[in-house]
Structures are given as structure tokens and as C-alpha cells.
Amino acid sequence: EQAVQQATQRYVHAQHSLETTATRRMWIASIALLVSGVLGLGAVAYSIGIIDEKRNELVQLRASIDYWERVARADLAPCGEDRLCATFEKNGPRYGNQRQYRAINLRAAPTAQ
């Protein structure tokens, strides 16, 4: 009977040790998942910031492209030293505080061949 009691005590001790180990591992896994989640959220927040920044940069670049496409289509030519000449819309609207600017004619688009 003493052998059965000792075996039971060893079994209870082993069961308790197993439960302690399992609980400890579950806590470690839970903490690891929590840390991973926090790091993941941090990465997402950082990425959203970068995406917004790049989106704003893209809007500026598109506006710049539109501007330079208009400049490229303007009917301009070099004239004199360090000067540009342009053909203007004769009766077109005037712009500026003192109405000193007029719209420049656009070059004819090249025909597709």
C-alpha cells in the first residue's frame, strides 16, 4: 500500500509540474502574440504615414507634370540674348494684378502617322 501511495504522490507531483509547465508556456506564447500584435500595429501605423506622404508627393508630381506639359505645348521660341518670344492669343483674356499677362498660343499637336 505504501508503494501505491508513493506512486500516487509521484503522479500528483508530475501532474502539477506538467500543469505549471503548460501554464508557463501558455503565458509565454500569449506575451509573444501580444508583442507581435503591437509590433504589427506599429508597422501598419508607420506604413500608413509613409503611404499618405507618398500620396501627397504623387499629387504634387502630377501637378508639376501638367504644368510642364503646358509649357512644352506653348508656342515659345528663343529670341535675342537670354530671352523668349511667344505668340499670344490676340483677343484672349488678360491675367495678373495689372492685367499684364496674356495667354500664349499652343503649338499644333503633331498628327499621328
PDB file of N, CA and C in Angstrom:
ATOM      1  N   GLU A   1       0.817  -1.193   0.000  1.00  0.00           N
ATOM      2  CA  GLU A   1       0.000   0.000   0.000  1.00  0.00           C
ATOM      3  C   GLU A   1       0.866   1.265   0.000  1.00  0.00           C
ATOM      4  N   GLN A   2       2.009   1.198   0.619  1.00  0.00           N
ATOM      5  CA  GLN A   2       2.914   2.340   0.645  1.00  0.00           C
ATOM      6  C   GLN A   2       3.437   2.616  -0.769  1.00  0.00           C
ATOM      7  N   ALA A   3       3.659   1.589  -1.539  1.00  0.00           N
ATOM      8  CA  ALA A   3       4.129   1.750  -2.917  1.00  0.00           C
ATOM      9  C   ALA A   3       3.076   2.460  -3.758  1.00  0.00           C
ATOM     10  N   VAL A   4       1.807   2.124  -3.540  1.00  0.00           N
ATOM     11  CA  VAL A   4       0.719   2.781  -4.277  1.00  0.00           C
ATOM     12  C   VAL A   4       0.640   4.251  -3.877  1.00  0.00           C
ATOM     13  N   GLN A   5       0.815   4.522  -2.586  1.00  0.00           N
ATOM     14  CA  GLN A   5       0.753   5.908  -2.101  1.00  0.00           C
ATOM     15  C   GLN A   5       1.912   6.722  -2.679  1.00  0.00           C
ATOM     16  N   GLN A   6       3.116   6.130  -2.716  1.00  0.00           N
ATOM     17  CA  GLN A   6       4.267   6.831  -3.285  1.00  0.00           C
ATOM     18  C   GLN A   6       4.060   7.066  -4.788  1.00  0.00           C
ATOM     19  N   ALA A   7       3.521   6.082  -5.466  1.00  0.00           N
ATOM     20  CA  ALA A   7       3.255   6.229  -6.905  1.00  0.00           C
ATOM     21  C   ALA A   7       2.219   7.320  -7.137  1.00  0.00           C
ATOM     22  N   THR A   8       1.212   7.378  -6.263  1.00  0.00           N
ATOM     23  CA  THR A   8       0.185   8.415  -6.381  1.00  0.00           C
ATOM     24  C   THR A   8       0.791   9.795  -6.148  1.00  0.00           C
ATOM     25  N   GLN A   9       1.674   9.900  -5.148  1.00  0.00           N
ATOM     26  CA  GLN A   9       2.323  11.192  -4.877  1.00  0.00           C
ATOM     27  C   GLN A   9       3.203  11.615  -6.054  1.00  0.00           C
ATOM     28  N   ARG A  10       3.936  10.648  -6.612  1.00  0.00           N
ATOM     29  CA  ARG A  10       4.767  10.973  -7.787  1.00  0.00           C
ATOM     30  C   ARG A  10       3.885  11.417  -8.957  1.00  0.00           C
ATOM     31  N   TYR A  11       2.761  10.732  -9.124  1.00  0.00           N
ATOM     32  CA  TYR A  11       1.823  11.098 -10.195  1.00  0.00           C
ATOM     33  C   TYR A  11       1.274  12.504  -9.966  1.00  0.00           C
ATOM     34  N   VAL A  12       0.869  12.821  -8.715  1.00  0.00           N
ATOM     35  CA  VAL A  12       0.344  14.155  -8.391  1.00  0.00           C
ATOM     36  C   VAL A  12       1.421  15.208  -8.623  1.00  0.00           C
ATOM     37  N   HIS A  13       2.648  14.912  -8.198  1.00  0.00           N
ATOM     38  CA  HIS A  13       3.757  15.857  -8.401  1.00  0.00           C
ATOM     39  C   HIS A  13       4.030  16.057  -9.899  1.00  0.00           C
ATOM     40  N   ALA A  14       4.039  14.973 -10.647  1.00  0.00           N
ATOM     41  CA  ALA A  14       4.271  15.068 -12.094  1.00  0.00           C
ATOM     42  C   ALA A  14       3.139  15.839 -12.770  1.00  0.00           C
ATOM     43  N   GLN A  15       1.914  15.587 -12.336  1.00  0.00           N
ATOM     44  CA  GLN A  15       0.758  16.299 -12.905  1.00  0.00           C
ATOM     45  C   GLN A  15       0.861  17.794 -12.609  1.00  0.00           C
ATOM     46  N   HIS A  16       1.224  18.132 -11.386  1.00  0.00           N
ATOM     47  CA  HIS A  16       1.366  19.546 -11.003  1.00  0.00           C
ATOM     48  C   HIS A  16       2.494  20.208 -11.802  1.00  0.00           C
ATOM     49  N   SER A  17       3.605  19.498 -11.954  1.00  0.00           N
ATOM     50  CA  SER A  17       4.733  20.018 -12.727  1.00  0.00           C
ATOM     51  C   SER A  17       4.334  20.232 -14.184  1.00  0.00           C
ATOM     52  N   LEU A  18       3.584  19.298 -14.734  1.00  0.00           N
ATOM     53  CA  LEU A  18       3.122  19.415 -16.119  1.00  0.00           C
ATOM     54  C   LEU A  18       2.181  20.604 -16.279  1.00  0.00           C
ATOM     55  N   GLU A  19       1.271  20.781 -15.324  1.00  0.00           N
ATOM     56  CA  GLU A  19       0.344  21.919 -15.375  1.00  0.00           C
ATOM     57  C   GLU A  19       1.095  23.239 -15.268  1.00  0.00           C
ATOM     58  N   THR A  20       2.090  23.288 -14.385  1.00  0.00           N
ATOM     59  CA  THR A  20       2.896  24.505 -14.226  1.00  0.00           C
ATOM     60  C   THR A  20       3.646  24.821 -15.516  1.00  0.00           C
ATOM     61  N   THR A  21       4.238  23.805 -16.123  1.00  0.00           N
ATOM     62  CA  THR A  21       4.973  23.998 -17.379  1.00  0.00           C
ATOM     63  C   THR A  21       4.030  24.446 -18.493  1.00  0.00           C
ATOM     64  N   ALA A  22       2.867  23.828 -18.584  1.00  0.00           N
ATOM     65  CA  ALA A  22       1.899  24.196 -19.623  1.00  0.00           C
ATOM     66  C   ALA A  22       1.407  25.625 -19.420  1.00  0.00           C
ATOM     67  N   THR A  23       1.126  25.987 -18.173  1.00  0.00           N
ATOM     68  CA  THR A  23       0.672  27.355 -17.881  1.00  0.00           C
ATOM     69  C   THR A  23       1.759  28.366 -18.235  1.00  0.00           C
ATOM     70  N   ARG A  24       2.987  28.062 -17.862  1.00  0.00           N
ATOM     71  CA  ARG A  24       4.103  28.966 -18.156  1.00  0.00           C
ATOM     72  C   ARG A  24       4.262  29.140 -19.670  1.00  0.00           C
ATOM     73  N   ARG A  25       4.177  28.054 -20.406  1.00  0.00           N
ATOM     74  CA  ARG A  25       4.323  28.128 -21.868  1.00  0.00           C
ATOM     75  C   ARG A  25       3.165  28.898 -22.502  1.00  0.00           C
ATOM     76  N   MET A  26       1.966  28.737 -21.960  1.00  0.00           N
ATOM     77  CA  MET A  26       0.828  29.497 -22.490  1.00  0.00           C
ATOM     78  C   MET A  26       1.010  30.990 -22.235  1.00  0.00           C
ATOM     79  N   TRP A  27       1.520  31.352 -21.053  1.00  0.00           N
ATOM     80  CA  TRP A  27       1.780  32.762 -20.769  1.00  0.00           C
ATOM     81  C   TRP A  27       2.852  33.319 -21.703  1.00  0.00           C
ATOM     82  N   ILE A  28       3.907  32.555 -21.917  1.00  0.00           N
ATOM     83  CA  ILE A  28       4.974  32.993 -22.824  1.00  0.00           C
ATOM     84  C   ILE A  28       4.423  33.165 -24.236  1.00  0.00           C
ATOM     85  N   ALA A  29       3.617  32.218 -24.696  1.00  0.00           N
ATOM     86  CA  ALA A  29       3.023  32.321 -26.033  1.00  0.00           C
ATOM     87  C   ALA A  29       2.080  33.517 -26.117  1.00  0.00           C
ATOM     88  N   SER A  30       1.306  33.752 -25.063  1.00  0.00           N
ATOM     89  CA  SER A  30       0.381  34.893 -25.056  1.00  0.00           C
ATOM     90  C   SER A  30       1.140  36.208 -25.116  1.00  0.00           C
ATOM     91  N   ILE A  31       2.215  36.306 -24.337  1.00  0.00           N
ATOM     92  CA  ILE A  31       3.025  37.533 -24.351  1.00  0.00           C
ATOM     93  C   ILE A  31       3.676  37.714 -25.717  1.00  0.00           C
ATOM     94  N   ALA A  32       4.172  36.625 -26.305  1.00  0.00           N
ATOM     95  CA  ALA A  32       4.783  36.714 -27.639  1.00  0.00           C
ATOM     96  C   ALA A  32       3.762  37.182 -28.668  1.00  0.00           C
ATOM     97  N   LEU A  33       2.538  36.663 -28.598  1.00  0.00           N
ATOM     98  CA  LEU A  33       1.489  37.103 -29.524  1.00  0.00           C
ATOM     99  C   LEU A  33       1.137  38.569 -29.301  1.00  0.00           C
ATOM    100  N   LEU A  34       1.076  38.985 -28.051  1.00  0.00           N
ATOM    101  CA  LEU A  34       0.770  40.380 -27.746  1.00  0.00           C
ATOM    102  C   LEU A  34       1.852  41.307 -28.291  1.00  0.00           C
ATOM    103  N   VAL A  35       3.111  40.947 -28.064  1.00  0.00           N
ATOM    104  CA  VAL A  35       4.222  41.758 -28.578  1.00  0.00           C
ATOM    105  C   VAL A  35       4.186  41.789 -30.103  1.00  0.00           C
ATOM    106  N   SER A  36       3.927  40.640 -30.726  1.00  0.00           N
ATOM    107  CA  SER A  36       3.835  40.594 -32.191  1.00  0.00           C
ATOM    108  C   SER A  36       2.702  41.481 -32.694  1.00  0.00           C
ATOM    109  N   GLY A  37       1.568  41.445 -32.007  1.00  0.00           N
ATOM    110  CA  GLY A  37       0.440  42.293 -32.402  1.00  0.00           C
ATOM    111  C   GLY A  37       0.762  43.766 -32.293  1.00  0.00           C
ATOM    112  N   VAL A  38       1.414  44.151 -31.192  1.00  0.00           N
ATOM    113  CA  VAL A  38       1.784  45.560 -31.010  1.00  0.00           C
ATOM    114  C   VAL A  38       2.778  45.985 -32.084  1.00  0.00           C
ATOM    115  N   LEU A  39       3.772  45.138 -32.353  1.00  0.00           N
ATOM    116  CA  LEU A  39       4.741  45.467 -33.408  1.00  0.00           C
ATOM    117  C   LEU A  39       4.064  45.546 -34.774  1.00  0.00           C
ATOM    118  N   GLY A  40       3.126  44.643 -35.022  1.00  0.00           N
ATOM    119  CA  GLY A  40       2.389  44.678 -36.290  1.00  0.00           C
ATOM    120  C   GLY A  40       1.579  45.951 -36.436  1.00  0.00           C
ATOM    121  N   LEU A  41       0.896  46.352 -35.365  1.00  0.00           N
ATOM    122  CA  LEU A  41       0.129  47.605 -35.414  1.00  0.00           C
ATOM    123  C   LEU A  41       1.050  48.800 -35.617  1.00  0.00           C
ATOM    124  N   GLY A  42       2.215  48.768 -34.975  1.00  0.00           N
ATOM    125  CA  GLY A  42       3.183  49.846 -35.178  1.00  0.00           C
ATOM    126  C   GLY A  42       3.643  49.921 -36.627  1.00  0.00           C
ATOM    127  N   ALA A  43       3.895  48.759 -37.220  1.00  0.00           N
ATOM    128  CA  ALA A  43       4.318  48.727 -38.626  1.00  0.00           C
ATOM    129  C   ALA A  43       3.217  49.247 -39.539  1.00  0.00           C
ATOM    130  N   VAL A  44       1.972  48.885 -39.247  1.00  0.00           N
ATOM    131  CA  VAL A  44       0.843  49.368 -40.058  1.00  0.00           C
ATOM    132  C   VAL A  44       0.709  50.879 -39.929  1.00  0.00           C
ATOM    133  N   ALA A  45       0.800  51.398 -38.705  1.00  0.00           N
ATOM    134  CA  ALA A  45       0.690  52.846 -38.496  1.00  0.00           C
ATOM    135  C   ALA A  45       1.812  53.581 -39.225  1.00  0.00           C
ATOM    136  N   TYR A  46       3.022  53.050 -39.156  1.00  0.00           N
ATOM    137  CA  TYR A  46       4.158  53.656 -39.847  1.00  0.00           C
ATOM    138  C   TYR A  46       3.942  53.624 -41.359  1.00  0.00           C
ATOM    139  N   SER A  47       3.448  52.497 -41.862  1.00  0.00           N
ATOM    140  CA  SER A  47       3.199  52.358 -43.300  1.00  0.00           C
ATOM    141  C   SER A  47       2.128  53.329 -43.772  1.00  0.00           C
ATOM    142  N   ILE A  48       1.085  53.520 -42.965  1.00  0.00           N
ATOM    143  CA  ILE A  48       0.029  54.466 -43.342  1.00  0.00           C
ATOM    144  C   ILE A  48       0.601  55.868 -43.457  1.00  0.00           C
ATOM    145  N   GLY A  49       1.491  56.236 -42.539  1.00  0.00           N
ATOM    146  CA  GLY A  49       2.140  57.544 -42.618  1.00  0.00           C
ATOM    147  C   GLY A  49       2.946  57.694 -43.894  1.00  0.00           C
ATOM    148  N   ILE A  50       3.698  56.675 -44.242  1.00  0.00           N
ATOM    149  CA  ILE A  50       4.508  56.722 -45.465  1.00  0.00           C
ATOM    150  C   ILE A  50       3.609  56.775 -46.692  1.00  0.00           C
ATOM    151  N   ILE A  51       2.525  55.992 -46.683  1.00  0.00           N
ATOM    152  CA  ILE A  51       1.611  55.977 -47.829  1.00  0.00           C
ATOM    153  C   ILE A  51       0.985  57.354 -48.026  1.00  0.00           C
ATOM    154  N   ASP A  52       0.553  58.002 -46.944  1.00  0.00           N
ATOM    155  CA  ASP A  52      -0.024  59.344 -47.065  1.00  0.00           C
ATOM    156  C   ASP A  52       1.005  60.331 -47.603  1.00  0.00           C
ATOM    157  N   GLU A  53       2.234  60.225 -47.110  1.00  0.00           N
ATOM    158  CA  GLU A  53       3.301  61.108 -47.577  1.00  0.00           C
ATOM    159  C   GLU A  53       3.550  60.909 -49.073  1.00  0.00           C
ATOM    160  N   LYS A  54       3.616  59.666 -49.504  1.00  0.00           N
ATOM    161  CA  LYS A  54       3.857  59.376 -50.922  1.00  0.00           C
ATOM    162  C   LYS A  54       2.666  59.786 -51.783  1.00  0.00           C
ATOM    163  N   ARG A  55       1.453  59.655 -51.239  1.00  0.00           N
ATOM    164  CA  ARG A  55       0.259  60.076 -51.979  1.00  0.00           C
ATOM    165  C   ARG A  55       0.305  61.593 -52.213  1.00  0.00           C
ATOM    166  N   ASN A  56       0.682  62.359 -51.185  1.00  0.00           N
ATOM    167  CA  ASN A  56       0.800  63.811 -51.339  1.00  0.00           C
ATOM    168  C   ASN A  56       1.893  64.164 -52.340  1.00  0.00           C
ATOM    169  N   GLU A  57       2.999  63.438 -52.279  1.00  0.00           N
ATOM    170  CA  GLU A  57       4.084  63.670 -53.232  1.00  0.00           C
ATOM    171  C   GLU A  57       3.622  63.375 -54.658  1.00  0.00           C
ATOM    172  N   LEU A  58       2.839  62.322 -54.832  1.00  0.00           N
ATOM    173  CA  LEU A  58       2.317  61.970 -56.150  1.00  0.00           C
ATOM    174  C   LEU A  58       1.401  63.064 -56.692  1.00  0.00           C
ATOM    175  N   VAL A  59       0.551  63.628 -55.834  1.00  0.00           N
ATOM    176  CA  VAL A  59      -0.333  64.715 -56.264  1.00  0.00           C
ATOM    177  C   VAL A  59       0.498  65.901 -56.739  1.00  0.00           C
ATOM    178  N   GLN A  60       1.559  66.239 -55.998  1.00  0.00           N
ATOM    179  CA  GLN A  60       2.424  67.355 -56.394  1.00  0.00           C
ATOM    180  C   GLN A  60       3.132  67.059 -57.715  1.00  0.00           C
ATOM    181  N   LEU A  61       3.610  65.832 -57.873  1.00  0.00           N
ATOM    182  CA  LEU A  61       4.302  65.486 -59.117  1.00  0.00           C
ATOM    183  C   LEU A  61       3.362  65.517 -60.314  1.00  0.00           C
ATOM    184  N   ARG A  62       2.128  65.063 -60.123  1.00  0.00           N
ATOM    185  CA  ARG A  62       1.160  65.118 -61.228  1.00  0.00           C
ATOM    186  C   ARG A  62       0.863  66.558 -61.613  1.00  0.00           C
ATOM    187  N   ALA A  63       0.738  67.434 -60.624  1.00  0.00           N
ATOM    188  CA  ALA A  63       0.508  68.851 -60.918  1.00  0.00           C
ATOM    189  C   ALA A  63       1.707  69.430 -61.660  1.00  0.00           C
ATOM    190  N   SER A  64       2.896  69.038 -61.256  1.00  0.00           N
ATOM    191  CA  SER A  64       4.108  69.511 -61.919  1.00  0.00           C
ATOM    192  C   SER A  64       4.160  69.008 -63.361  1.00  0.00           C
ATOM    193  N   ILE A  65       3.778  67.758 -63.575  1.00  0.00           N
ATOM    194  CA  ILE A  65       3.763  67.205 -64.937  1.00  0.00           C
ATOM    195  C   ILE A  65       2.768  67.970 -65.800  1.00  0.00           C
ATOM    196  N   ASP A  66       1.584  68.238 -65.263  1.00  0.00           N
ATOM    197  CA  ASP A  66       0.586  69.007 -66.019  1.00  0.00           C
ATOM    198  C   ASP A  66       1.136  70.373 -66.399  1.00  0.00           C
ATOM    199  N   TYR A  67       1.804  71.029 -65.448  1.00  0.00           N
ATOM    200  CA  TYR A  67       2.378  72.351 -65.710  1.00  0.00           C
ATOM    201  C   TYR A  67       3.420  72.261 -66.822  1.00  0.00           C
ATOM    202  N   TRP A  68       4.351  71.317 -66.727  1.00  0.00           N
ATOM    203  CA  TRP A  68       5.414  71.226 -67.722  1.00  0.00           C
ATOM    204  C   TRP A  68       4.893  70.758 -69.077  1.00  0.00           C
ATOM    205  N   GLU A  69       3.809  69.997 -69.101  1.00  0.00           N
ATOM    206  CA  GLU A  69       3.194  69.648 -70.386  1.00  0.00           C
ATOM    207  C   GLU A  69       2.625  70.897 -71.053  1.00  0.00           C
ATOM    208  N   ARG A  70       2.025  71.794 -70.279  1.00  0.00           N
ATOM    209  CA  ARG A  70       1.524  73.054 -70.852  1.00  0.00           C
ATOM    210  C   ARG A  70       2.675  73.912 -71.359  1.00  0.00           C
ATOM    211  N   VAL A  71       3.765  73.957 -70.602  1.00  0.00           N
ATOM    212  CA  VAL A  71       4.933  74.733 -71.041  1.00  0.00           C
ATOM    213  C   VAL A  71       5.482  74.137 -72.335  1.00  0.00           C
ATOM    214  N   ALA A  72       5.540  72.815 -72.425  1.00  0.00           N
ATOM    215  CA  ALA A  72       6.079  72.171 -73.621  1.00  0.00           C
ATOM    216  C   ALA A  72       5.203  72.429 -74.843  1.00  0.00           C
ATOM    217  N   ARG A  73       3.888  72.591 -74.648  1.00  0.00           N
ATOM    218  CA  ARG A  73       2.986  72.830 -75.778  1.00  0.00           C
ATOM    219  C   ARG A  73       2.895  74.315 -76.143  1.00  0.00           C
ATOM    220  N   ALA A  74       3.418  75.196 -75.291  1.00  0.00           N
ATOM    221  CA  ALA A  74       3.333  76.634 -75.569  1.00  0.00           C
ATOM    222  C   ALA A  74       4.183  76.974 -76.791  1.00  0.00           C
ATOM    223  N   ASP A  75       3.704  77.941 -77.565  1.00  0.00           N
ATOM    224  CA  ASP A  75       4.414  78.359 -78.779  1.00  0.00           C
ATOM    225  C   ASP A  75       5.477  79.380 -78.386  1.00  0.00           C
ATOM    226  N   LEU A  76       6.621  78.857 -77.930  1.00  0.00           N
ATOM    227  CA  LEU A  76       7.743  79.683 -77.482  1.00  0.00           C
ATOM    228  C   LEU A  76       8.928  79.477 -78.411  1.00  0.00           C
ATOM    229  N   ALA A  77       9.774  80.499 -78.487  1.00  0.00           N
ATOM    230  CA  ALA A  77      10.997  80.388 -79.280  1.00  0.00           C
ATOM    231  C   ALA A  77      12.048  81.297 -78.656  1.00  0.00           C
ATOM    232  N   PRO A  78      13.318  80.896 -78.722  1.00  0.00           N
ATOM    233  CA  PRO A  78      14.362  81.787 -78.216  1.00  0.00           C
ATOM    234  C   PRO A  78      14.491  82.990 -79.139  1.00  0.00           C
ATOM    235  N   CYS A  79      14.667  84.152 -78.556  1.00  0.00           N
ATOM    236  CA  CYS A  79      14.878  85.354 -79.357  1.00  0.00           C
ATOM    237  C   CYS A  79      15.742  86.313 -78.553  1.00  0.00           C
ATOM    238  N   GLY A  80      16.663  86.947 -79.220  1.00  0.00           N
ATOM    239  CA  GLY A  80      17.570  87.835 -78.515  1.00  0.00           C
ATOM    240  C   GLY A  80      18.441  87.025 -77.557  1.00  0.00           C
ATOM    241  N   GLU A  81      19.178  87.747 -76.745  1.00  0.00           N
ATOM    242  CA  GLU A  81      20.063  87.070 -75.812  1.00  0.00           C
ATOM    243  C   GLU A  81      19.331  86.824 -74.496  1.00  0.00           C
ATOM    244  N   ASP A  82      19.257  85.579 -74.099  1.00  0.00           N
ATOM    245  CA  ASP A  82      18.600  85.187 -72.844  1.00  0.00           C
ATOM    246  C   ASP A  82      17.138  85.603 -72.777  1.00  0.00           C
ATOM    247  N   ARG A  83      16.457  85.568 -73.910  1.00  0.00           N
ATOM    248  CA  ARG A  83      15.042  85.959 -73.929  1.00  0.00           C
ATOM    249  C   ARG A  83      14.224  84.879 -74.615  1.00  0.00           C
ATOM    250  N   LEU A  84      12.933  84.909 -74.340  1.00  0.00           N
ATOM    251  CA  LEU A  84      11.982  84.029 -75.004  1.00  0.00           C
ATOM    252  C   LEU A  84      10.917  84.878 -75.669  1.00  0.00           C
ATOM    253  N   CYS A  85      10.496  84.444 -76.843  1.00  0.00           N
ATOM    254  CA  CYS A  85       9.385  85.096 -77.521  1.00  0.00           C
ATOM    255  C   CYS A  85       8.232  84.106 -77.585  1.00  0.00           C
ATOM    256  N   ALA A  86       7.031  84.631 -77.669  1.00  0.00           N
ATOM    257  CA  ALA A  86       5.849  83.775 -77.710  1.00  0.00           C
ATOM    258  C   ALA A  86       4.802  84.417 -78.591  1.00  0.00           C
ATOM    259  N   THR A  87       3.947  83.569 -79.151  1.00  0.00           N
ATOM    260  CA  THR A  87       2.785  84.103 -79.857  1.00  0.00           C
ATOM    261  C   THR A  87       1.621  84.062 -78.880  1.00  0.00           C
ATOM    262  N   PHE A  88       0.850  85.152 -78.863  1.00  0.00           N
ATOM    263  CA  PHE A  88      -0.237  85.301 -77.899  1.00  0.00           C
ATOM    264  C   PHE A  88      -1.586  85.207 -78.583  1.00  0.00           C
ATOM    265  N   GLU A  89      -2.585  84.891 -77.802  1.00  0.00           N
ATOM    266  CA  GLU A  89      -3.953  84.958 -78.293  1.00  0.00           C
ATOM    267  C   GLU A  89      -4.297  86.440 -78.404  1.00  0.00           C
ATOM    268  N   LYS A  90      -4.565  86.889 -79.630  1.00  0.00           N
ATOM    269  CA  LYS A  90      -4.745  88.328 -79.884  1.00  0.00           C
ATOM    270  C   LYS A  90      -5.841  88.947 -79.017  1.00  0.00           C
ATOM    271  N   ASN A  91      -6.996  88.350 -79.002  1.00  0.00           N
ATOM    272  CA  ASN A  91      -8.113  88.927 -78.252  1.00  0.00           C
ATOM    273  C   ASN A  91      -8.431  88.109 -77.009  1.00  0.00           C
ATOM    274  N   GLY A  92      -7.449  87.354 -76.537  1.00  0.00           N
ATOM    275  CA  GLY A  92      -7.673  86.489 -75.379  1.00  0.00           C
ATOM    276  C   GLY A  92      -7.751  87.285 -74.085  1.00  0.00           C
ATOM    277  N   PRO A  93      -8.193  86.648 -73.046  1.00  0.00           N
ATOM    278  CA  PRO A  93      -8.304  87.331 -71.755  1.00  0.00           C
ATOM    279  C   PRO A  93      -6.930  87.671 -71.198  1.00  0.00           C
ATOM    280  N   ARG A  94      -6.908  88.666 -70.334  1.00  0.00           N
ATOM    281  CA  ARG A  94      -5.667  89.082 -69.679  1.00  0.00           C
ATOM    282  C   ARG A  94      -5.720  88.664 -68.214  1.00  0.00           C
ATOM    283  N   TYR A  95      -4.532  88.405 -67.657  1.00  0.00           N
ATOM    284  CA  TYR A  95      -4.431  87.917 -66.287  1.00  0.00           C
ATOM    285  C   TYR A  95      -3.415  88.756 -65.523  1.00  0.00           C
ATOM    286  N   GLY A  96      -3.420  88.611 -64.214  1.00  0.00           N
ATOM    287  CA  GLY A  96      -2.469  89.311 -63.358  1.00  0.00           C
ATOM    288  C   GLY A  96      -3.120  90.501 -62.679  1.00  0.00           C
ATOM    289  N   ASN A  97      -2.446  91.035 -61.673  1.00  0.00           N
ATOM    290  CA  ASN A  97      -2.981  92.173 -60.910  1.00  0.00           C
ATOM    291  C   ASN A  97      -3.208  93.395 -61.787  1.00  0.00           C
ATOM    292  N   GLN A  98      -2.305  93.600 -62.719  1.00  0.00           N
ATOM    293  CA  GLN A  98      -2.422  94.767 -63.600  1.00  0.00           C
ATOM    294  C   GLN A  98      -2.795  94.335 -65.016  1.00  0.00           C
ATOM    295  N   ARG A  99      -3.311  93.124 -65.133  1.00  0.00           N
ATOM    296  CA  ARG A  99      -3.713  92.558 -66.419  1.00  0.00           C
ATOM    297  C   ARG A  99      -2.550  92.581 -67.416  1.00  0.00           C
ATOM    298  N   GLN A 100      -1.352  92.290 -66.914  1.00  0.00           N
ATOM    299  CA  GLN A 100      -0.150  92.358 -67.739  1.00  0.00           C
ATOM    300  C   GLN A 100       0.168  91.049 -68.458  1.00  0.00           C
ATOM    301  N   TYR A 101      -0.562  89.977 -68.167  1.00  0.00           N
ATOM    302  CA  TYR A 101      -0.295  88.683 -68.790  1.00  0.00           C
ATOM    303  C   TYR A 101      -1.416  88.313 -69.754  1.00  0.00           C
ATOM    304  N   ARG A 102      -0.986  87.653 -70.858  1.00  0.00           N
ATOM    305  CA  ARG A 102      -1.964  87.130 -71.813  1.00  0.00           C
ATOM    306  C   ARG A 102      -1.655  85.662 -72.061  1.00  0.00           C
ATOM    307  N   ALA A 103      -2.654  84.939 -72.506  1.00  0.00           N
ATOM    308  CA  ALA A 103      -2.477  83.510 -72.774  1.00  0.00           C
ATOM    309  C   ALA A 103      -1.610  83.319 -74.008  1.00  0.00           C
ATOM    310  N   ILE A 104      -0.714  82.351 -73.938  1.00  0.00           N
ATOM    311  CA  ILE A 104       0.171  82.023 -75.058  1.00  0.00           C
ATOM    312  C   ILE A 104      -0.518  80.967 -75.915  1.00  0.00           C
ATOM    313  N   ASN A 105      -0.384  81.125 -77.235  1.00  0.00           N
ATOM    314  CA  ASN A 105      -0.933  80.115 -78.145  1.00  0.00           C
ATOM    315  C   ASN A 105      -0.228  78.785 -77.922  1.00  0.00           C
ATOM    316  N   LEU A 106      -0.959  77.728 -78.167  1.00  0.00           N
ATOM    317  CA  LEU A 106      -0.372  76.401 -78.077  1.00  0.00           C
ATOM    318  C   LEU A 106       0.044  75.947 -79.467  1.00  0.00           C
ATOM    319  N   ARG A 107       1.113  75.186 -79.529  1.00  0.00           N
ATOM    320  CA  ARG A 107       1.550  74.631 -80.802  1.00  0.00           C
ATOM    321  C   ARG A 107       0.526  73.620 -81.279  1.00  0.00           C
ATOM    322  N   ALA A 108       0.456  73.473 -82.579  1.00  0.00           N
ATOM    323  CA  ALA A 108      -0.445  72.465 -83.142  1.00  0.00           C
ATOM    324  C   ALA A 108       0.078  71.088 -82.755  1.00  0.00           C
ATOM    325  N   ALA A 109      -0.823  70.226 -82.366  1.00  0.00           N
ATOM    326  CA  ALA A 109      -0.428  68.863 -81.990  1.00  0.00           C
ATOM    327  C   ALA A 109       0.068  68.137 -83.228  1.00  0.00           C
ATOM    328  N   PRO A 110       1.149  67.366 -83.095  1.00  0.00           N
ATOM    329  CA  PRO A 110       1.635  66.614 -84.261  1.00  0.00           C
ATOM    330  C   PRO A 110       0.594  65.578 -84.676  1.00  0.00           C
ATOM    331  N   THR A 111       0.458  65.425 -85.976  1.00  0.00           N
ATOM    332  CA  THR A 111      -0.523  64.462 -86.485  1.00  0.00           C
ATOM    333  C   THR A 111       0.051  63.060 -86.393  1.00  0.00           C
ATOM    334  N   ALA A 112      -0.796  62.124 -86.043  1.00  0.00           N
ATOM    335  CA  ALA A 112      -0.365  60.719 -85.948  1.00  0.00           C
ATOM    336  C   ALA A 112      -0.211  60.157 -87.350  1.00  0.00           C
ATOM    337  N   GLN A 113       0.865  59.424 -87.566  1.00  0.00           N
ATOM    338  CA  GLN A 113       1.116  58.867 -88.899  1.00  0.00           C
ATOM    339  C   GLN A 113       1.010  57.386 -88.874  1.00  0.00           C
TER     340      GLN A 113
END
